[in-house]
Amino acid sequence: MPGTENGPASYFPSIEKKYGRPIEEWKRLIRSSSLRKHLELVTWLKDEHGLGHGHANALVRHTLLEDGRTH
């Protein structure tokens, strides 16, 4: 089906709805963090911003892949 997202981006509509911030804002937060490792960033989003694990993981994974980082 055209326009249907797969992978981490498939979580984006529910992330925006649940947490009230656009995805680009979450990506900016991730990129501005001094943390660099995937799990550190996921934990930070959960602890500091109240995201669930799946949502935090999807945001970090997508952002790091977009930036050419794999971990």
N, C-alpha and C. Protein backbone atom coordinates (compact mmCIF):
# COMPACT_ATOMS: atom_id res chain seq x y z
N MET A 1 0.84 -1.18 0.00
CA MET A 1 0.00 0.00 0.00
C MET A 1 0.89 1.24 0.00
N PRO A 2 0.79 2.11 -1.00
CA PRO A 2 1.61 3.32 -1.05
C PRO A 2 1.36 4.22 0.15
N GLY A 3 2.46 4.82 0.65
CA GLY A 3 2.34 5.74 1.77
C GLY A 3 2.36 5.07 3.13
N THR A 4 2.32 3.74 3.15
CA THR A 4 2.35 3.04 4.42
C THR A 4 3.81 2.85 4.84
N GLU A 5 4.14 3.30 6.02
CA GLU A 5 5.50 3.19 6.53
C GLU A 5 5.73 1.83 7.17
N ASN A 6 6.95 1.35 7.04
CA ASN A 6 7.38 0.12 7.70
C ASN A 6 8.52 0.47 8.64
N GLY A 7 8.90 -0.47 9.48
CA GLY A 7 10.02 -0.26 10.38
C GLY A 7 9.73 0.79 11.43
N PRO A 8 10.80 1.44 11.92
CA PRO A 8 10.64 2.41 13.00
C PRO A 8 9.65 3.53 12.68
N ALA A 9 9.60 3.97 11.43
CA ALA A 9 8.71 5.08 11.06
C ALA A 9 7.24 4.72 11.21
N SER A 10 6.93 3.45 11.26
CA SER A 10 5.52 3.06 11.43
C SER A 10 4.97 3.48 12.79
N TYR A 11 5.85 3.76 13.73
CA TYR A 11 5.44 4.22 15.06
C TYR A 11 5.16 5.73 15.12
N PHE A 12 5.60 6.47 14.12
CA PHE A 12 5.57 7.92 14.20
C PHE A 12 4.18 8.52 14.43
N PRO A 13 3.14 8.08 13.73
CA PRO A 13 1.82 8.68 14.01
C PRO A 13 1.38 8.51 15.46
N SER A 14 1.62 7.34 16.03
CA SER A 14 1.20 7.14 17.43
C SER A 14 2.09 7.90 18.40
N ILE A 15 3.36 8.09 18.07
CA ILE A 15 4.26 8.87 18.92
C ILE A 15 3.80 10.32 18.96
N GLU A 16 3.51 10.88 17.80
CA GLU A 16 3.04 12.27 17.75
C GLU A 16 1.73 12.44 18.50
N LYS A 17 0.83 11.50 18.33
CA LYS A 17 -0.47 11.58 19.00
C LYS A 17 -0.33 11.45 20.52
N LYS A 18 0.45 10.48 20.97
CA LYS A 18 0.56 10.21 22.40
C LYS A 18 1.34 11.28 23.16
N TYR A 19 2.44 11.78 22.55
CA TYR A 19 3.32 12.69 23.28
C TYR A 19 3.21 14.14 22.86
N GLY A 20 2.43 14.42 21.80
CA GLY A 20 2.13 15.79 21.41
C GLY A 20 3.26 16.60 20.82
N ARG A 21 4.29 15.93 20.34
CA ARG A 21 5.40 16.63 19.69
C ARG A 21 5.60 16.04 18.31
N PRO A 22 5.96 16.87 17.33
CA PRO A 22 6.25 16.33 16.01
C PRO A 22 7.54 15.51 16.01
N ILE A 23 7.64 14.59 15.10
CA ILE A 23 8.81 13.70 15.02
C ILE A 23 10.09 14.50 14.83
N GLU A 24 10.04 15.54 14.04
CA GLU A 24 11.25 16.35 13.81
C GLU A 24 11.77 16.95 15.12
N GLU A 25 10.87 17.29 16.02
CA GLU A 25 11.30 17.82 17.32
C GLU A 25 12.01 16.74 18.14
N TRP A 26 11.49 15.51 18.11
CA TRP A 26 12.15 14.41 18.81
C TRP A 26 13.53 14.15 18.21
N LYS A 27 13.63 14.20 16.89
CA LYS A 27 14.93 13.98 16.24
C LYS A 27 15.92 15.06 16.63
N ARG A 28 15.46 16.31 16.71
CA ARG A 28 16.36 17.39 17.14
C ARG A 28 16.85 17.15 18.56
N LEU A 29 15.96 16.70 19.44
CA LEU A 29 16.38 16.40 20.83
C LEU A 29 17.44 15.31 20.85
N ILE A 30 17.21 14.26 20.09
CA ILE A 30 18.17 13.15 20.05
C ILE A 30 19.52 13.64 19.54
N ARG A 31 19.48 14.40 18.47
CA ARG A 31 20.74 14.88 17.87
C ARG A 31 21.45 15.89 18.75
N SER A 32 20.73 16.61 19.58
CA SER A 32 21.36 17.61 20.45
C SER A 32 21.89 17.01 21.75
N SER A 33 21.54 15.77 22.02
CA SER A 33 22.01 15.11 23.24
C SER A 33 23.51 14.82 23.14
N SER A 34 24.17 14.86 24.27
CA SER A 34 25.59 14.50 24.30
C SER A 34 25.77 12.98 24.28
N LEU A 35 24.68 12.25 24.46
CA LEU A 35 24.73 10.79 24.42
C LEU A 35 24.87 10.33 22.98
N ARG A 36 25.56 9.21 22.75
CA ARG A 36 25.80 8.74 21.39
C ARG A 36 25.36 7.30 21.17
N LYS A 37 25.32 6.50 22.21
CA LYS A 37 24.97 5.09 22.05
C LYS A 37 23.46 4.90 22.03
N HIS A 38 23.02 3.95 21.21
CA HIS A 38 21.59 3.69 21.02
C HIS A 38 20.87 3.50 22.35
N LEU A 39 21.32 2.56 23.15
CA LEU A 39 20.62 2.25 24.40
C LEU A 39 20.65 3.41 25.38
N GLU A 40 21.73 4.16 25.40
CA GLU A 40 21.79 5.35 26.26
C GLU A 40 20.72 6.37 25.85
N LEU A 41 20.56 6.57 24.57
CA LEU A 41 19.56 7.50 24.07
C LEU A 41 18.15 7.01 24.36
N VAL A 42 17.90 5.72 24.19
CA VAL A 42 16.59 5.15 24.49
C VAL A 42 16.26 5.35 25.97
N THR A 43 17.20 5.03 26.83
CA THR A 43 17.00 5.18 28.27
C THR A 43 16.74 6.64 28.63
N TRP A 44 17.47 7.54 28.03
CA TRP A 44 17.29 8.98 28.27
C TRP A 44 15.90 9.43 27.87
N LEU A 45 15.42 9.02 26.70
CA LEU A 45 14.08 9.40 26.27
C LEU A 45 13.01 8.84 27.22
N LYS A 46 13.24 7.64 27.71
CA LYS A 46 12.29 7.04 28.65
C LYS A 46 12.30 7.77 29.99
N ASP A 47 13.49 7.98 30.52
CA ASP A 47 13.61 8.58 31.86
C ASP A 47 13.30 10.07 31.89
N GLU A 48 13.80 10.80 30.92
CA GLU A 48 13.67 12.26 30.93
C GLU A 48 12.41 12.79 30.23
N HIS A 49 11.88 11.99 29.30
CA HIS A 49 10.77 12.49 28.49
C HIS A 49 9.53 11.61 28.56
N GLY A 50 9.59 10.52 29.32
CA GLY A 50 8.43 9.68 29.56
C GLY A 50 7.96 8.81 28.41
N LEU A 51 8.82 8.57 27.43
CA LEU A 51 8.44 7.71 26.32
C LEU A 51 8.47 6.26 26.74
N GLY A 52 7.63 5.46 26.09
CA GLY A 52 7.69 4.02 26.27
C GLY A 52 8.89 3.47 25.52
N HIS A 53 9.28 2.26 25.86
CA HIS A 53 10.49 1.68 25.26
C HIS A 53 10.38 1.56 23.74
N GLY A 54 9.29 1.04 23.24
CA GLY A 54 9.14 0.86 21.80
C GLY A 54 9.19 2.17 21.03
N HIS A 55 8.55 3.19 21.56
CA HIS A 55 8.56 4.50 20.91
C HIS A 55 9.94 5.12 20.94
N ALA A 56 10.61 5.05 22.09
CA ALA A 56 11.96 5.60 22.21
C ALA A 56 12.91 4.86 21.27
N ASN A 57 12.80 3.55 21.23
CA ASN A 57 13.67 2.74 20.38
C ASN A 57 13.46 3.09 18.91
N ALA A 58 12.21 3.24 18.49
CA ALA A 58 11.92 3.57 17.10
C ALA A 58 12.50 4.94 16.72
N LEU A 59 12.35 5.93 17.58
CA LEU A 59 12.89 7.25 17.31
C LEU A 59 14.41 7.24 17.20
N VAL A 60 15.05 6.58 18.14
CA VAL A 60 16.51 6.54 18.14
C VAL A 60 17.01 5.77 16.92
N ARG A 61 16.45 4.62 16.66
CA ARG A 61 16.89 3.81 15.52
C ARG A 61 16.76 4.59 14.21
N HIS A 62 15.60 5.19 13.99
CA HIS A 62 15.37 5.94 12.76
C HIS A 62 16.34 7.12 12.65
N THR A 63 16.53 7.85 13.73
CA THR A 63 17.41 9.03 13.72
C THR A 63 18.85 8.63 13.46
N LEU A 64 19.33 7.59 14.14
CA LEU A 64 20.71 7.16 13.93
C LEU A 64 20.93 6.64 12.51
N LEU A 65 19.98 5.90 11.99
CA LEU A 65 20.10 5.42 10.60
C LEU A 65 20.09 6.58 9.62
N GLU A 66 19.24 7.55 9.87
CA GLU A 66 19.17 8.73 9.01
C GLU A 66 20.50 9.49 9.01
N ASP A 67 21.18 9.46 10.14
CA ASP A 67 22.47 10.15 10.29
C ASP A 67 23.65 9.28 9.88
N GLY A 68 23.38 8.06 9.42
CA GLY A 68 24.45 7.17 9.00
C GLY A 68 25.16 6.47 10.14
N ARG A 69 24.55 6.50 11.31
CA ARG A 69 25.11 5.78 12.47
C ARG A 69 24.31 4.52 12.67
N THR A 70 24.95 3.45 13.02
CA THR A 70 24.23 2.17 13.16
C THR A 70 24.08 1.73 14.59
N HIS A 71 24.63 2.44 15.54
CA HIS A 71 24.49 2.02 16.95
C HIS A 71 24.35 3.20 17.87
